[in-house]
Amino acid sequence: MFYAITAILTAKGESYRKHSGVRAALHRDFVKTGKINKETGRIYDELFNTRYQADYTPFVEFDKDVVKEQAVEVEKFIKEFKLLVVELL
């Protein structure tokens, strides 16, 4: 998801060095403007926090069922962003 958003932001002439910058741009440019729905922004935030835990929490474990649910949410996110890419092109 990070790279999908980064690609769209790059196409708009924007670049960010940190995940938090990409997250902020997602909300500013896409969620607040209504180009993507708030639920998609929430999904990104949830996965952003999960990624942070995975990177910085020693011996972290994730619930298998939650990960499966998140995978389904990522598929929805990708579909929505494909539509956004077509719109921007």
C-alpha atoms as a PDB file:
ATOM      1  CA  MET A   1       0.000   0.000   0.000  1.00  0.00           C
ATOM      2  CA  PHE A   2       2.839   2.362   0.862  1.00  0.00           C
ATOM      3  CA  TYR A   3       4.358   1.978  -2.581  1.00  0.00           C
ATOM      4  CA  ALA A   4       1.013   2.414  -4.351  1.00  0.00           C
ATOM      5  CA  ILE A   5       0.448   5.704  -2.553  1.00  0.00           C
ATOM      6  CA  THR A   6       4.057   6.756  -3.081  1.00  0.00           C
ATOM      7  CA  ALA A   7       3.715   6.105  -6.827  1.00  0.00           C
ATOM      8  CA  ILE A   8       0.605   8.266  -7.080  1.00  0.00           C
ATOM      9  CA  LEU A   9       2.210  11.045  -5.057  1.00  0.00           C
ATOM     10  CA  THR A  10       5.314  10.852  -7.243  1.00  0.00           C
ATOM     11  CA  ALA A  11       3.129  11.167 -10.345  1.00  0.00           C
ATOM     12  CA  LYS A  12       1.739  14.345  -8.759  1.00  0.00           C
ATOM     13  CA  GLY A  13       5.290  15.655  -8.286  1.00  0.00           C
ATOM     14  CA  GLU A  14       5.442  15.008  -4.544  1.00  0.00           C
ATOM     15  CA  SER A  15       7.962  12.918  -2.624  1.00  0.00           C
ATOM     16  CA  TYR A  16       8.365  11.987   1.009  1.00  0.00           C
ATOM     17  CA  ARG A  17      11.204  10.377   2.924  1.00  0.00           C
ATOM     18  CA  LYS A  18       9.180   8.807   5.718  1.00  0.00           C
ATOM     19  CA  HIS A  19       6.136   6.582   6.021  1.00  0.00           C
ATOM     20  CA  SER A  20       4.508   9.236   8.203  1.00  0.00           C
ATOM     21  CA  GLY A  21       4.823  11.810   5.395  1.00  0.00           C
ATOM     22  CA  VAL A  22       3.135   9.471   2.926  1.00  0.00           C
ATOM     23  CA  ARG A  23       0.399   8.772   5.469  1.00  0.00           C
ATOM     24  CA  ALA A  24      -0.203  12.483   6.032  1.00  0.00           C
ATOM     25  CA  ALA A  25      -0.309  13.133   2.266  1.00  0.00           C
ATOM     26  CA  LEU A  26      -2.784  10.272   1.790  1.00  0.00           C
ATOM     27  CA  HIS A  27      -5.177  11.862   4.246  1.00  0.00           C
ATOM     28  CA  ARG A  28      -4.612  15.417   3.019  1.00  0.00           C
ATOM     29  CA  ASP A  29      -4.778  14.745  -0.728  1.00  0.00           C
ATOM     30  CA  PHE A  30      -7.173  11.817  -0.965  1.00  0.00           C
ATOM     31  CA  VAL A  31      -9.260  11.207   2.163  1.00  0.00           C
ATOM     32  CA  LYS A  32     -10.091  14.806   3.079  1.00  0.00           C
ATOM     33  CA  THR A  33     -10.844  15.662  -0.555  1.00  0.00           C
ATOM     34  CA  GLY A  34     -13.162  12.667  -0.926  1.00  0.00           C
ATOM     35  CA  LYS A  35     -11.102  11.000  -3.671  1.00  0.00           C
ATOM     36  CA  ILE A  36     -10.990   7.900  -1.500  1.00  0.00           C
ATOM     37  CA  ASN A  37     -13.331   7.026   1.317  1.00  0.00           C
ATOM     38  CA  LYS A  38     -12.570   7.430   5.009  1.00  0.00           C
ATOM     39  CA  GLU A  39     -12.643   3.659   5.519  1.00  0.00           C
ATOM     40  CA  THR A  40      -9.709   3.304   3.131  1.00  0.00           C
ATOM     41  CA  GLY A  41      -7.809   5.891   5.148  1.00  0.00           C
ATOM     42  CA  ARG A  42      -8.632   3.986   8.332  1.00  0.00           C
ATOM     43  CA  ILE A  43      -7.355   0.749   6.795  1.00  0.00           C
ATOM     44  CA  TYR A  44      -4.101   2.433   5.837  1.00  0.00           C
ATOM     45  CA  ASP A  45      -3.723   3.802   9.376  1.00  0.00           C
ATOM     46  CA  GLU A  46      -4.340   0.382  10.894  1.00  0.00           C
ATOM     47  CA  LEU A  47      -1.751  -1.242   8.654  1.00  0.00           C
ATOM     48  CA  PHE A  48       0.654   1.657   9.218  1.00  0.00           C
ATOM     49  CA  ASN A  49       0.491   0.929  12.956  1.00  0.00           C
ATOM     50  CA  THR A  50       0.853  -2.810  12.355  1.00  0.00           C
ATOM     51  CA  ARG A  51       3.950  -2.213  10.233  1.00  0.00           C
ATOM     52  CA  TYR A  52       5.388  -0.029  12.991  1.00  0.00           C
ATOM     53  CA  GLN A  53       4.818  -2.800  15.534  1.00  0.00           C
ATOM     54  CA  ALA A  54       6.412  -5.375  13.254  1.00  0.00           C
ATOM     55  CA  ASP A  55       9.477  -3.202  12.715  1.00  0.00           C
ATOM     56  CA  TYR A  56      10.036  -1.941  16.246  1.00  0.00           C
ATOM     57  CA  THR A  57       8.431  -4.321  18.763  1.00  0.00           C
ATOM     58  CA  PRO A  58      10.625  -7.267  19.715  1.00  0.00           C
ATOM     59  CA  PHE A  59       8.989 -10.676  19.368  1.00  0.00           C
ATOM     60  CA  VAL A  60       5.652  -9.260  18.241  1.00  0.00           C
ATOM     61  CA  GLU A  61       2.998 -11.772  17.202  1.00  0.00           C
ATOM     62  CA  PHE A  62      -0.097 -11.151  15.116  1.00  0.00           C
ATOM     63  CA  ASP A  63      -3.410 -12.947  15.239  1.00  0.00           C
ATOM     64  CA  LYS A  64      -3.866 -15.121  12.145  1.00  0.00           C
ATOM     65  CA  ASP A  65      -7.535 -14.153  11.737  1.00  0.00           C
ATOM     66  CA  VAL A  66      -6.756 -10.447  11.983  1.00  0.00           C
ATOM     67  CA  VAL A  67      -4.044 -10.793   9.333  1.00  0.00           C
ATOM     68  CA  LYS A  68      -6.507 -12.568   7.029  1.00  0.00           C
ATOM     69  CA  GLU A  69      -9.013  -9.742   7.499  1.00  0.00           C
ATOM     70  CA  GLN A  70      -6.312  -7.187   6.775  1.00  0.00           C
ATOM     71  CA  ALA A  71      -5.387  -9.022   3.557  1.00  0.00           C
ATOM     72  CA  VAL A  72      -8.983  -8.674   2.382  1.00  0.00           C
ATOM     73  CA  GLU A  73      -8.906  -4.974   3.253  1.00  0.00           C
ATOM     74  CA  VAL A  74      -5.676  -4.529   1.284  1.00  0.00           C
ATOM     75  CA  GLU A  75      -7.350  -6.043  -1.777  1.00  0.00           C
ATOM     76  CA  LYS A  76     -10.149  -3.477  -1.457  1.00  0.00           C
ATOM     77  CA  PHE A  77      -7.581  -0.721  -1.078  1.00  0.00           C
ATOM     78  CA  ILE A  78      -5.758  -1.808  -4.221  1.00  0.00           C
ATOM     79  CA  LYS A  79      -8.991  -1.844  -6.235  1.00  0.00           C
ATOM     80  CA  GLU A  80      -9.831   1.669  -5.076  1.00  0.00           C
ATOM     81  CA  PHE A  81      -6.351   2.935  -5.875  1.00  0.00           C
ATOM     82  CA  LYS A  82      -6.412   1.383  -9.347  1.00  0.00           C
ATOM     83  CA  LEU A  83      -9.459   3.525 -10.065  1.00  0.00           C
ATOM     84  CA  LEU A  84      -7.650   6.568  -8.713  1.00  0.00           C
ATOM     85  CA  VAL A  85      -4.637   5.917 -10.947  1.00  0.00           C
ATOM     86  CA  VAL A  86      -6.877   5.698 -14.006  1.00  0.00           C
ATOM     87  CA  GLU A  87      -8.505   8.972 -12.982  1.00  0.00           C
ATOM     88  CA  LEU A  88      -5.128  10.709 -12.574  1.00  0.00           C
ATOM     89  CA  LEU A  89      -3.823   9.474 -15.924  1.00  0.00           C
END
